[in-house]
Amino acid sequence: MKLTKLSTLVIIAATSFTFNAMAAETQPVATAISATQAVQTLNQYEKIMVGPVWITTGALNQKGETVANTDQGVSNYFGVAEYFADHTFKMLSPDGKPKMQGDWSMSEDGKTRTLVAKDASGNILFTRTVENVKVTPEEYTYRIYPNADSKTEYFDIVHKPQ
């Protein structure tokens, strides 16, 4: 059987269309698999953080006393945070303005959380690791030390899911 150039082009075009259509159909599946793999890589503490929006509800000093959200030692830690299964996060100030974004993780034992804040271009601005006090579906509390050389003075920053 002898094929003309036109017949050959039609066959090539049809084959290309079939492969492209198949690729388009499998892309959502690949995305779903990728999302599933990301969730599977979350440890038990990270799984708690993903899903709800976390709102800072208070701060306590080392004596267990409430510290006002306007106090210079804690005011920067108040806001709203959302943690995603792909290990990215977004934070807003209490009045809803963008505060920071980047990558996040929790240690396997749940004792620390690390944030890698990034600008809009993905450049690292800073890395902050905090000591976790409580990680449950009802509350997330971490501890900050105003003086890195002393563990005697600290603030516990308390968050509740929305």
Protein backbone atom coordinates (compact mmCIF):
# COMPACT_ATOMS: atom_id res chain seq x y z
CA MET A 1 0.00 0.00 0.00
CA LYS A 2 1.42 3.29 -1.13
CA LEU A 3 0.74 6.36 1.03
CA THR A 4 0.55 9.83 -0.38
CA LYS A 5 2.15 12.73 1.46
CA LEU A 6 -1.29 13.99 2.46
CA SER A 7 -2.29 10.61 3.91
CA THR A 8 0.95 10.44 5.84
CA LEU A 9 0.41 13.92 7.26
CA VAL A 10 -3.15 13.03 8.28
CA ILE A 11 -1.90 9.90 10.09
CA ILE A 12 0.88 11.85 11.83
CA ALA A 13 -1.54 14.61 12.85
CA ALA A 14 -4.08 12.08 14.18
CA THR A 15 -1.37 10.27 16.12
CA SER A 16 -0.10 13.55 17.58
CA PHE A 17 -3.62 14.54 18.56
CA THR A 18 -4.15 11.19 20.27
CA PHE A 19 -0.93 11.50 22.26
CA ASN A 20 -1.70 15.12 23.18
CA ALA A 21 -5.23 14.20 24.24
CA MET A 22 -3.87 11.35 26.34
CA ALA A 23 -1.32 13.68 27.95
CA ALA A 24 -4.04 16.21 28.72
CA GLU A 25 -6.17 13.49 30.30
CA THR A 26 -3.34 12.20 32.48
CA GLN A 27 -2.22 15.59 33.77
CA PRO A 28 -4.95 15.85 36.46
CA VAL A 29 -4.10 12.31 37.51
CA ALA A 30 -0.42 13.27 37.79
CA THR A 31 -1.39 16.34 39.80
CA ALA A 32 -3.58 14.24 42.09
CA ILE A 33 -0.77 11.72 42.57
CA SER A 34 1.66 14.54 43.32
CA ALA A 35 -0.72 16.04 45.90
CA THR A 36 -1.23 12.61 47.47
CA GLN A 37 2.52 12.06 47.67
CA ALA A 38 2.94 15.46 49.35
CA VAL A 39 0.35 14.56 51.98
CA GLN A 40 2.02 11.21 52.54
CA THR A 41 5.32 12.95 53.30
CA LEU A 42 3.79 14.95 56.15
CA ASN A 43 4.66 13.70 59.61
CA GLN A 44 1.94 13.34 62.26
CA TYR A 45 2.48 16.89 63.58
CA GLU A 46 2.48 18.48 60.14
CA LYS A 47 -0.80 16.71 59.33
CA ILE A 48 -2.40 18.52 62.29
CA MET A 49 -1.33 21.90 60.92
CA VAL A 50 -2.58 21.39 57.34
CA GLY A 51 -6.20 22.26 56.66
CA PRO A 52 -7.36 24.77 59.25
CA VAL A 53 -6.46 28.43 59.31
CA TRP A 54 -4.60 29.14 62.56
CA ILE A 55 -5.29 32.40 64.41
CA THR A 56 -3.09 33.76 67.17
CA THR A 57 -5.34 34.00 70.20
CA GLY A 58 -2.90 34.96 72.93
CA ALA A 59 0.53 35.14 74.43
CA LEU A 60 1.75 34.09 77.87
CA ASN A 61 5.00 34.92 79.63
CA GLN A 62 7.16 32.47 81.61
CA LYS A 63 4.94 33.09 84.67
CA GLY A 64 1.81 32.08 82.75
CA GLU A 65 0.56 35.66 82.68
CA THR A 66 -1.30 37.03 79.67
CA VAL A 67 0.75 39.42 77.56
CA ALA A 68 -1.08 42.04 75.47
CA ASN A 69 -0.87 41.59 71.71
CA THR A 70 0.49 45.15 71.53
CA ASP A 71 3.53 44.26 73.67
CA GLN A 72 6.71 44.70 71.60
CA GLY A 73 7.92 41.27 72.68
CA VAL A 74 4.99 39.46 71.05
CA SER A 75 3.15 41.80 68.67
CA ASN A 76 5.08 40.55 65.62
CA TYR A 77 3.87 36.99 66.27
CA PHE A 78 0.14 37.77 66.10
CA GLY A 79 -1.77 37.06 62.92
CA VAL A 80 -3.32 34.35 60.79
CA ALA A 81 -1.43 31.42 59.28
CA GLU A 82 -2.25 28.70 56.79
CA TYR A 83 0.01 25.70 56.28
CA PHE A 84 -0.22 23.66 53.09
CA ALA A 85 0.54 19.98 52.36
CA ASP A 86 3.33 20.95 49.93
CA HIS A 87 5.21 22.47 52.91
CA THR A 88 4.48 26.07 51.96
CA PHE A 89 2.73 28.58 54.19
CA LYS A 90 1.15 32.02 54.11
CA MET A 91 0.71 34.42 57.01
CA LEU A 92 -1.34 37.57 57.35
CA SER A 93 -1.20 40.32 59.94
CA PRO A 94 -4.16 40.59 62.36
CA ASP A 95 -5.70 43.19 60.03
CA GLY A 96 -5.47 40.86 57.01
CA LYS A 97 -2.40 42.27 55.25
CA PRO A 98 0.17 39.85 53.79
CA LYS A 99 2.89 39.27 56.35
CA MET A 100 5.11 36.46 55.07
CA GLN A 101 5.21 33.34 52.95
CA GLY A 102 7.62 30.52 52.29
CA ASP A 103 8.33 26.95 53.35
CA TRP A 104 7.65 25.22 56.65
CA SER A 105 8.29 21.94 58.42
CA MET A 106 8.03 20.31 61.81
CA SER A 107 10.57 17.94 63.25
CA GLU A 108 9.57 14.26 63.30
CA ASP A 109 9.26 14.38 67.10
CA GLY A 110 7.11 17.53 66.95
CA LYS A 111 9.47 19.51 69.17
CA THR A 112 10.30 22.26 66.64
CA ARG A 113 8.78 24.12 63.71
CA THR A 114 10.95 25.80 61.10
CA LEU A 115 9.82 28.59 58.79
CA VAL A 116 11.85 29.69 55.78
CA ALA A 117 10.38 33.07 54.84
CA LYS A 118 10.72 34.00 51.17
CA ASP A 119 9.99 37.06 49.08
CA ALA A 120 7.68 36.96 46.05
CA SER A 121 10.60 35.81 43.86
CA GLY A 122 11.40 32.89 46.16
CA ASN A 123 14.54 34.41 47.66
CA ILE A 124 15.11 33.45 51.30
CA LEU A 125 14.60 36.35 53.71
CA PHE A 126 15.23 34.48 56.96
CA THR A 127 14.86 31.12 58.69
CA ARG A 128 13.25 30.84 62.12
CA THR A 129 13.01 27.70 64.25
CA VAL A 130 10.79 27.73 67.32
CA GLU A 131 10.24 25.28 70.15
CA ASN A 132 6.76 23.73 70.06
CA VAL A 133 4.90 23.58 73.37
CA LYS A 134 1.62 22.04 72.18
CA VAL A 135 0.57 20.62 68.81
CA THR A 136 -2.99 19.28 68.81
CA PRO A 137 -5.97 19.74 66.49
CA GLU A 138 -7.39 22.20 69.06
CA GLU A 139 -4.28 24.28 69.77
CA TYR A 140 -0.84 25.10 68.45
CA THR A 141 1.53 26.85 70.85
CA TYR A 142 5.18 27.63 70.33
CA ARG A 143 7.75 29.33 72.53
CA ILE A 144 9.96 32.27 71.66
CA TYR A 145 12.92 33.57 73.63
CA PRO A 146 13.52 37.34 73.47
CA ASN A 147 17.14 36.74 74.49
CA ALA A 148 18.65 33.82 72.60
CA ASP A 149 21.29 33.40 75.32
CA SER A 150 18.76 32.92 78.13
CA LYS A 151 15.95 30.41 78.52
CA THR A 152 14.62 32.07 81.71
CA GLU A 153 12.44 34.61 79.92
CA TYR A 154 10.07 33.46 77.19
CA PHE A 155 6.67 33.93 75.60
CA ASP A 156 4.30 31.17 74.55
CA ILE A 157 2.37 32.16 71.43
CA VAL A 158 -1.03 30.43 71.34
CA HIS A 159 -3.01 29.66 68.16
CA LYS A 160 -6.43 28.13 67.62
CA PRO A 161 -7.88 26.74 64.39
CA GLN A 162 -10.63 28.67 62.67
